[in-house]
N, C-alpha and C. Protein backbone atom coordinates (compact mmCIF):
# COMPACT_ATOMS: atom_id res chain seq x y z
N UNK A 1 -37.88 -30.66 -20.32
CA UNK A 1 -38.92 -31.10 -20.24
C UNK A 1 -38.78 -32.83 -19.91
N UNK A 2 -38.20 -33.11 -20.64
CA UNK A 2 -37.61 -34.18 -20.98
C UNK A 2 -36.05 -35.09 -20.87
N UNK A 3 -35.89 -35.97 -20.26
CA UNK A 3 -34.13 -36.27 -20.00
C UNK A 3 -33.72 -36.71 -21.19
N UNK A 4 -32.42 -36.35 -21.83
CA UNK A 4 -31.99 -37.57 -23.24
C UNK A 4 -32.86 -39.23 -23.27
N UNK A 5 -33.07 -39.58 -22.57
CA UNK A 5 -33.24 -41.23 -22.35
C UNK A 5 -34.74 -41.44 -22.84
N UNK A 6 -35.37 -40.06 -22.04
CA UNK A 6 -37.03 -39.96 -23.02
C UNK A 6 -36.80 -39.70 -24.12
N UNK A 7 -36.09 -38.88 -24.36
CA UNK A 7 -36.04 -37.98 -26.05
C UNK A 7 -35.92 -39.81 -26.49
N UNK A 8 -35.00 -40.18 -26.87
CA UNK A 8 -34.46 -41.13 -27.49
C UNK A 8 -35.44 -42.41 -27.66
N UNK A 9 -36.29 -42.52 -26.07
CA UNK A 9 -37.38 -44.05 -26.25
C UNK A 9 -38.54 -43.00 -27.15
N UNK A 10 -39.08 -41.97 -26.80
CA UNK A 10 -40.23 -41.20 -27.47
C UNK A 10 -39.37 -41.53 -29.56
N UNK A 11 -38.60 -41.37 -29.83
CA UNK A 11 -38.09 -41.02 -30.79
C UNK A 11 -38.46 -42.67 -31.12
N UNK A 12 -37.67 -43.85 -30.93
CA UNK A 12 -37.59 -44.91 -30.99
C UNK A 12 -39.24 -45.28 -31.49
N UNK A 13 -40.01 -44.88 -30.51
CA UNK A 13 -41.34 -45.44 -31.05
C UNK A 13 -41.94 -44.55 -32.26
N UNK A 14 -42.01 -43.86 -32.19
CA UNK A 14 -41.85 -42.62 -33.50
C UNK A 14 -41.70 -43.80 -34.79
N UNK A 15 -40.42 -44.06 -34.71
CA UNK A 15 -40.01 -44.62 -35.78
C UNK A 15 -40.15 -46.51 -35.74
N UNK A 16 -40.74 -46.78 -35.09
CA UNK A 16 -40.96 -48.19 -34.78
C UNK A 16 -42.72 -48.10 -35.47
N UNK A 17 -43.50 -46.97 -35.34
CA UNK A 17 -44.51 -46.77 -35.44
C UNK A 17 -44.65 -46.69 -37.05
N UNK A 18 -43.77 -46.12 -37.44
CA UNK A 18 -43.66 -45.24 -39.13
C UNK A 18 -43.24 -46.74 -40.12
N UNK A 19 -42.20 -47.68 -39.07
CA UNK A 19 -41.97 -48.35 -39.75
C UNK A 19 -42.97 -49.49 -39.71
N UNK A 20 -44.27 -49.73 -39.35
CA UNK A 20 -44.86 -50.57 -39.33
C UNK A 20 -46.15 -50.32 -40.22
N UNK A 21 -46.61 -49.12 -40.00
CA UNK A 21 -46.97 -48.69 -41.10
C UNK A 21 -46.47 -48.24 -42.62
N UNK A 22 -45.22 -48.42 -42.75
CA UNK A 22 -44.17 -48.55 -44.25
C UNK A 22 -44.34 -49.74 -44.28
N UNK A 23 -43.98 -50.35 -43.71
CA UNK A 23 -44.77 -52.19 -44.25
C UNK A 23 -45.37 -52.78 -44.43
N UNK A 24 -46.81 -51.94 -44.11
CA UNK A 24 -48.28 -52.62 -44.05
C UNK A 24 -48.03 -51.84 -45.65
N UNK A 25 -47.63 -51.04 -46.00
CA UNK A 25 -48.08 -49.87 -47.30
C UNK A 25 -47.29 -51.24 -48.39
N UNK A 26 -45.86 -51.75 -47.73
CA UNK A 26 -45.21 -51.86 -48.81
C UNK A 26 -45.61 -53.68 -49.58
N UNK A 27 -46.50 -54.39 -48.29
CA UNK A 27 -47.52 -55.55 -48.43
C UNK A 27 -48.54 -55.43 -49.31
N UNK A 28 -49.00 -53.79 -48.79
CA UNK A 28 -49.91 -53.80 -50.02
C UNK A 28 -49.80 -53.69 -51.50
N UNK A 29 -48.48 -53.12 -51.60
CA UNK A 29 -48.35 -52.84 -52.86
C UNK A 29 -47.97 -54.01 -53.70
N UNK A 30 -47.20 -54.84 -52.61
CA UNK A 30 -46.53 -56.12 -53.28
C UNK A 30 -47.52 -57.23 -53.71
N UNK A 31 -48.63 -56.75 -53.48
CA UNK A 31 -49.77 -57.91 -54.34
C UNK A 31 -50.42 -58.73 -53.12
N UNK A 32 -49.74 -58.91 -52.30
CA UNK A 32 -50.47 -59.73 -51.20
C UNK A 32 -51.38 -59.15 -50.77
N UNK A 33 -52.50 -60.14 -51.00
CA UNK A 33 -53.84 -59.38 -50.26
C UNK A 33 -54.23 -60.47 -49.42
N UNK A 34 -53.52 -61.27 -48.81
CA UNK A 34 -54.26 -62.01 -48.08
C UNK A 34 -54.86 -61.62 -46.73
N UNK A 35 -55.49 -61.97 -46.40
CA UNK A 35 -56.75 -61.32 -45.39
C UNK A 35 -56.04 -61.91 -44.12
N UNK A 36 -55.08 -62.70 -43.56
CA UNK A 36 -55.11 -63.20 -42.33
C UNK A 36 -53.79 -62.46 -42.23
N UNK A 37 -52.99 -61.95 -43.61
CA UNK A 37 -51.16 -61.36 -42.86
C UNK A 37 -51.89 -59.85 -42.44
N UNK A 38 -53.26 -59.66 -43.28
CA UNK A 38 -53.85 -58.16 -43.00
C UNK A 38 -54.06 -58.00 -41.56
N UNK A 39 -54.69 -59.02 -41.40
CA UNK A 39 -56.10 -59.18 -40.39
C UNK A 39 -54.18 -58.79 -38.89
N UNK A 40 -53.48 -59.54 -39.23
CA UNK A 40 -52.19 -59.79 -38.04
C UNK A 40 -51.46 -58.36 -38.16
N UNK A 41 -51.39 -58.15 -39.41
CA UNK A 41 -50.06 -56.37 -39.65
C UNK A 41 -51.17 -55.25 -38.52
N UNK A 42 -52.91 -55.35 -38.79
CA UNK A 42 -54.09 -54.95 -37.96
C UNK A 42 -54.02 -55.15 -36.05
N UNK A 43 -53.40 -56.07 -36.20
CA UNK A 43 -53.56 -56.41 -34.27
C UNK A 43 -51.76 -56.03 -34.08
N UNK A 44 -51.01 -56.36 -34.91
CA UNK A 44 -50.05 -55.30 -34.74
C UNK A 44 -49.69 -54.76 -34.57
N UNK A 45 -49.91 -53.76 -35.24
CA UNK A 45 -50.53 -52.11 -35.37
C UNK A 45 -50.90 -51.76 -33.98
N UNK A 46 -51.86 -52.39 -33.76
CA UNK A 46 -53.05 -51.83 -32.69
C UNK A 46 -52.53 -52.23 -31.28
N UNK A 47 -51.28 -53.09 -31.38
CA UNK A 47 -50.31 -53.89 -30.29
C UNK A 47 -49.53 -52.71 -29.91
N UNK A 48 -48.88 -52.06 -31.09
CA UNK A 48 -47.71 -51.38 -30.61
C UNK A 48 -48.56 -49.92 -30.19
N UNK A 49 -49.93 -49.56 -31.03
CA UNK A 49 -49.99 -48.21 -30.51
C UNK A 49 -50.42 -48.50 -28.92
N UNK A 50 -50.95 -49.23 -28.56
CA UNK A 50 -51.51 -49.41 -27.53
C UNK A 50 -49.97 -49.94 -27.01
N UNK A 51 -49.19 -50.09 -27.25
CA UNK A 51 -47.53 -50.23 -25.90
C UNK A 51 -47.37 -48.91 -26.22
N UNK A 52 -47.46 -47.89 -27.20
CA UNK A 52 -46.70 -46.36 -27.51
C UNK A 52 -47.51 -45.64 -26.21
N UNK A 53 -48.90 -46.33 -26.54
CA UNK A 53 -50.07 -44.94 -25.61
C UNK A 53 -49.24 -45.88 -23.99
N UNK A 54 -49.27 -47.05 -24.03
CA UNK A 54 -49.11 -47.17 -22.34
C UNK A 54 -47.63 -46.28 -21.98
N UNK A 55 -46.78 -46.23 -22.69
CA UNK A 55 -45.15 -45.87 -22.53
C UNK A 55 -45.22 -44.48 -22.87
N UNK A 56 -46.04 -43.74 -23.62
CA UNK A 56 -46.07 -42.38 -23.16
C UNK A 56 -47.12 -42.23 -22.01
N UNK A 57 -48.18 -42.97 -21.68
CA UNK A 57 -48.63 -42.47 -20.27
C UNK A 57 -47.84 -42.74 -18.97
N UNK A 58 -46.93 -43.81 -19.24
CA UNK A 58 -46.02 -43.93 -17.95
C UNK A 58 -45.00 -42.48 -18.30
N UNK A 59 -44.15 -42.00 -18.88
CA UNK A 59 -43.71 -40.79 -19.02
C UNK A 59 -44.15 -40.03 -18.83
N UNK A 60 -45.26 -39.46 -18.90
CA UNK A 60 -46.21 -38.28 -18.68
C UNK A 60 -46.17 -38.79 -17.14
N UNK A 61 -46.70 -39.73 -16.35
CA UNK A 61 -46.97 -39.72 -14.79
C UNK A 61 -45.31 -39.31 -14.43
N UNK A 62 -44.31 -40.22 -14.97
CA UNK A 62 -42.88 -40.20 -14.50
C UNK A 62 -42.65 -38.46 -14.29
N UNK A 63 -42.90 -38.17 -15.75
CA UNK A 63 -42.78 -36.39 -16.03
C UNK A 63 -43.56 -35.44 -15.12
N UNK A 64 -44.84 -36.19 -14.52
CA UNK A 64 -45.10 -35.04 -13.64
C UNK A 64 -44.73 -35.38 -12.23
N UNK A 65 -44.26 -36.81 -11.84
CA UNK A 65 -43.74 -36.80 -10.34
C UNK A 65 -42.51 -36.28 -10.37
N UNK A 66 -41.32 -36.63 -11.14
CA UNK A 66 -40.41 -35.42 -11.42
C UNK A 66 -40.90 -34.28 -11.51
N UNK A 67 -41.41 -33.43 -12.02
CA UNK A 67 -42.23 -32.01 -11.72
C UNK A 67 -42.16 -31.75 -10.49
N UNK A 68 -42.89 -32.49 -9.64
CA UNK A 68 -43.79 -31.84 -8.52
C UNK A 68 -42.35 -32.26 -7.20
N UNK A 69 -41.36 -33.20 -7.32
CA UNK A 69 -40.08 -33.33 -6.16
C UNK A 69 -39.29 -31.91 -6.60
N UNK A 70 -39.14 -31.53 -8.46
CA UNK A 70 -38.44 -30.56 -8.49
C UNK A 70 -38.83 -29.37 -7.47
N UNK A 71 -40.40 -29.29 -7.54
CA UNK A 71 -41.30 -28.09 -7.53
C UNK A 71 -40.58 -27.67 -5.77
N UNK A 72 -41.15 -28.90 -5.18
CA UNK A 72 -40.67 -29.20 -3.69
C UNK A 72 -39.48 -28.46 -3.09
N UNK A 73 -38.78 -29.08 -3.54
CA UNK A 73 -36.87 -29.09 -3.88
C UNK A 73 -36.79 -27.27 -3.68
N UNK A 74 -37.23 -26.88 -4.64
CA UNK A 74 -37.23 -25.52 -5.16
C UNK A 74 -38.06 -24.36 -3.90
N UNK A 75 -39.12 -24.93 -3.69
CA UNK A 75 -40.06 -24.51 -2.25
C UNK A 75 -39.18 -24.28 -1.22
N UNK A 76 -38.26 -25.19 -0.87
CA UNK A 76 -37.40 -25.93 -0.15
C UNK A 76 -36.14 -24.61 0.30
N UNK A 77 -35.66 -25.17 -0.70
CA UNK A 77 -34.88 -23.96 -0.92
C UNK A 77 -34.92 -22.63 -0.94
N UNK A 78 -36.27 -22.39 -1.56
CA UNK A 78 -36.46 -20.68 -1.12
C UNK A 78 -36.84 -20.01 0.28
N UNK A 79 -37.68 -21.30 1.18
CA UNK A 79 -37.88 -20.49 2.12
C UNK A 79 -36.89 -20.47 2.84
N UNK A 80 -35.38 -21.00 2.51
CA UNK A 80 -34.15 -21.53 3.73
C UNK A 80 -33.45 -20.44 3.56
N UNK A 81 -33.22 -20.15 1.95
CA UNK A 81 -33.28 -18.85 1.61
C UNK A 81 -33.60 -17.38 2.52
N UNK A 82 -35.13 -17.71 2.23
CA UNK A 82 -35.77 -16.25 2.78
C UNK A 82 -35.11 -16.34 4.17
N UNK A 83 -35.08 -17.16 5.29
CA UNK A 83 -34.73 -17.35 6.19
C UNK A 83 -32.96 -16.66 6.81
N UNK A 84 -32.58 -17.39 5.75
CA UNK A 84 -31.29 -16.61 5.90
C UNK A 84 -30.74 -15.41 5.61
N UNK A 85 -31.92 -14.70 4.54
CA UNK A 85 -31.20 -13.26 4.20
C UNK A 85 -32.35 -12.75 5.50
N UNK A 86 -33.13 -12.92 5.80
CA UNK A 86 -33.81 -12.75 7.27
C UNK A 86 -32.73 -12.50 8.66
N UNK A 87 -31.62 -13.57 8.98
CA UNK A 87 -30.91 -13.54 9.47
C UNK A 87 -30.24 -12.84 9.47
N UNK A 88 -29.12 -12.39 8.00
CA UNK A 88 -28.73 -11.47 7.54
C UNK A 88 -29.04 -10.39 7.81
N UNK A 89 -30.43 -9.85 7.61
CA UNK A 89 -30.60 -8.28 8.18
C UNK A 89 -30.70 -8.30 9.05
N UNK A 90 -31.15 -8.90 10.11
CA UNK A 90 -30.72 -9.14 11.41
C UNK A 90 -29.57 -8.70 12.12
N UNK A 91 -28.67 -9.42 11.33
CA UNK A 91 -26.82 -9.41 12.23
C UNK A 91 -26.97 -8.00 11.14
N UNK A 92 -26.86 -7.49 10.09
CA UNK A 92 -26.69 -6.68 9.67
C UNK A 92 -27.04 -5.08 10.47
N UNK A 93 -27.87 -5.20 10.94
CA UNK A 93 -28.33 -4.08 12.05
C UNK A 93 -27.94 -4.55 13.61
N UNK A 94 -27.91 -5.57 13.97
CA UNK A 94 -26.74 -5.13 15.09
C UNK A 94 -25.39 -4.93 14.95
N UNK A 95 -25.19 -5.10 13.88
CA UNK A 95 -23.37 -4.56 13.26
C UNK A 95 -23.35 -2.82 12.71
N UNK A 96 -24.55 -2.99 12.98
CA UNK A 96 -24.99 -0.80 12.21
C UNK A 96 -24.32 -0.41 13.60
N UNK A 97 -25.55 -1.03 14.71
CA UNK A 97 -25.61 -0.67 15.85
C UNK A 97 -24.44 -0.65 16.51
N UNK A 98 -23.89 -1.65 16.21
CA UNK A 98 -22.42 -1.42 16.53
C UNK A 98 -21.41 -0.60 17.15
N UNK A 99 -21.38 -0.57 15.10
CA UNK A 99 -20.72 0.94 14.43
C UNK A 99 -21.08 2.06 15.46
N UNK A 100 -22.43 2.30 15.26
CA UNK A 100 -22.82 3.34 15.72
C UNK A 100 -22.72 3.66 17.00
N UNK A 101 -22.70 2.29 17.81
CA UNK A 101 -21.95 2.84 18.90
C UNK A 101 -20.59 3.34 19.50
N UNK A 102 -20.10 2.46 18.72
CA UNK A 102 -18.26 2.49 18.43
C UNK A 102 -17.95 4.23 18.27
N UNK A 103 -18.01 4.04 16.95
CA UNK A 103 -17.94 5.61 16.76
C UNK A 103 -18.76 6.83 17.45
N UNK A 104 -19.88 6.99 17.91
CA UNK A 104 -20.18 7.98 18.40
C UNK A 104 -19.60 8.61 19.81
N UNK A 105 -18.85 9.64 19.85
CA UNK A 105 -18.10 10.41 21.32
C UNK A 105 -18.89 9.45 22.14
N UNK A 106 -18.17 9.06 23.59
CA UNK A 106 -18.82 8.20 24.48
C UNK A 106 -19.52 10.17 25.35
N UNK A 107 -20.51 9.49 25.43
CA UNK A 107 -21.59 10.73 26.31
C UNK A 107 -20.93 11.00 27.83
N UNK A 108 -21.05 12.42 28.15
CA UNK A 108 -20.72 12.50 29.74
C UNK A 108 -21.37 11.83 30.78
N UNK A 109 -20.52 11.63 31.88
CA UNK A 109 -21.47 11.05 32.45
C UNK A 109 -21.88 12.05 33.51
N UNK A 110 -22.73 11.17 34.01
CA UNK A 110 -24.18 12.03 34.70
C UNK A 110 -23.26 13.19 35.51
N UNK A 111 -24.13 14.37 35.49
CA UNK A 111 -23.33 14.94 36.44
C UNK A 111 -23.79 14.95 37.60
N UNK A 112 -22.87 14.52 38.77
CA UNK A 112 -23.25 14.45 40.31
C UNK A 112 -23.05 15.53 40.95
N UNK A 113 -24.48 15.87 41.53
CA UNK A 113 -24.39 17.13 42.10
C UNK A 113 -23.52 17.45 43.19
N UNK A 114 -22.82 18.53 43.65
CA UNK A 114 -21.99 18.55 44.52
C UNK A 114 -22.89 19.08 45.33
N UNK A 115 -22.47 18.83 46.71
CA UNK A 115 -22.68 18.73 47.87
C UNK A 115 -23.90 19.94 48.63
N UNK A 116 -23.40 20.64 48.13
CA UNK A 116 -23.76 22.66 48.48
C UNK A 116 -25.27 22.27 47.34
N UNK A 117 -25.15 21.98 46.45
CA UNK A 117 -26.13 21.66 45.34
C UNK A 117 -27.07 21.19 46.46
N UNK A 118 -26.59 19.98 46.60
CA UNK A 118 -27.70 18.94 47.29
C UNK A 118 -28.31 19.30 48.42
N UNK A 119 -27.46 20.22 48.98
CA UNK A 119 -27.79 20.89 50.34
C UNK A 119 -29.43 21.71 49.99
N UNK A 120 -28.83 22.86 49.33
CA UNK A 120 -29.76 23.29 48.98
C UNK A 120 -31.24 23.14 48.18
N UNK A 121 -30.93 22.35 47.41
CA UNK A 121 -31.98 22.00 46.89
C UNK A 121 -32.77 21.23 47.93
N UNK A 122 -32.22 20.72 48.97
CA UNK A 122 -32.88 19.71 49.92
C UNK A 122 -33.72 20.89 50.82
N UNK A 123 -33.27 22.32 50.90
CA UNK A 123 -33.16 23.02 51.56
C UNK A 123 -34.80 24.08 50.70
N UNK A 124 -35.07 23.49 49.68
CA UNK A 124 -36.53 24.09 49.29
C UNK A 124 -35.86 25.58 48.35
N UNK A 125 -34.67 24.87 47.44
CA UNK A 125 -34.35 26.61 46.85
C UNK A 125 -34.87 25.98 45.21
N UNK A 126 -35.29 26.58 44.86
CA UNK A 126 -34.91 25.96 43.11
C UNK A 126 -33.76 25.88 42.01
N UNK A 127 -33.66 25.31 41.13
CA UNK A 127 -32.55 24.58 40.84
C UNK A 127 -31.95 26.00 39.86
N UNK A 128 -32.88 27.02 39.47
CA UNK A 128 -32.15 28.06 39.13
C UNK A 128 -31.46 29.05 39.98
N UNK A 129 -31.76 28.83 41.44
CA UNK A 129 -31.82 29.69 42.60
C UNK A 129 -30.54 29.07 43.15
N UNK A 130 -30.65 27.40 42.70
CA UNK A 130 -29.17 27.18 43.21
C UNK A 130 -28.35 27.47 42.16
N UNK A 131 -28.30 27.20 41.36
CA UNK A 131 -27.33 27.86 39.59
C UNK A 131 -26.40 29.75 40.27
N UNK A 132 -27.73 30.19 40.80
CA UNK A 132 -27.03 31.47 40.72
C UNK A 132 -27.11 31.73 42.35
N UNK A 133 -26.72 30.83 42.93
CA UNK A 133 -25.84 31.04 44.21
C UNK A 133 -24.42 30.22 44.02
N UNK A 134 -24.68 28.63 43.76
CA UNK A 134 -23.24 28.78 43.16
C UNK A 134 -22.67 29.43 42.36
N UNK A 135 -22.83 30.79 41.36
CA UNK A 135 -22.71 31.48 40.85
C UNK A 135 -21.50 32.44 41.54
N UNK A 136 -22.20 32.76 42.57
CA UNK A 136 -21.66 33.35 43.50
C UNK A 136 -20.47 33.27 44.56
N UNK A 137 -19.29 34.30 44.64
CA UNK A 137 -18.04 34.50 45.62
C UNK A 137 -18.48 32.85 46.22
N UNK A 138 -17.21 32.85 46.59
CA UNK A 138 -17.16 31.73 48.03
C UNK A 138 -17.47 32.05 48.97
N UNK A 139 -17.05 33.45 49.70
CA UNK A 139 -16.92 33.77 50.49
C UNK A 139 -18.46 34.37 51.05
N UNK A 140 -19.47 34.32 50.21
CA UNK A 140 -20.42 34.45 50.75
C UNK A 140 -21.56 33.25 50.55
N UNK A 141 -20.72 31.92 50.02
CA UNK A 141 -21.81 30.59 50.35
C UNK A 141 -21.09 30.19 52.07
N UNK A 142 -19.94 31.07 52.64
CA UNK A 142 -19.70 31.12 53.83
C UNK A 142 -20.69 30.70 54.94
N UNK A 143 -21.26 29.52 55.46
CA UNK A 143 -21.99 30.19 56.71
C UNK A 143 -20.83 30.68 57.98
N UNK A 144 -21.38 31.48 58.46
CA UNK A 144 -20.62 32.53 59.82
C UNK A 144 -20.97 31.57 61.05
């Protein structure tokens, strides 16, 4: 929440206030009940309290500004990390696709119909009929 310098400054202000309050009680015990010194002490205490209050307010504002700056940096880093994760996921999917493509056996090239099958099909025969004729002995397939 506070850095080291701010802790030291806050501790110093607290010690200064304690010293002023203690000094006042020493004066009162000492028998000096001079009204002007009492008024001076009160004015000094009020001035120091105001100075401490102002310094504390300044430190709070500084802390709030620091918090906003850190929050903005964290948000920026989070967005950058999310974008990098998305890019990494896309790259993983791409590489998995490449691995799958390389590890699967190559598909057979498309079967080119023989000229005979194509002619039979063009003549109006169905595929199953063309297959049956193709299985016949070759000397039956010759045109006379």
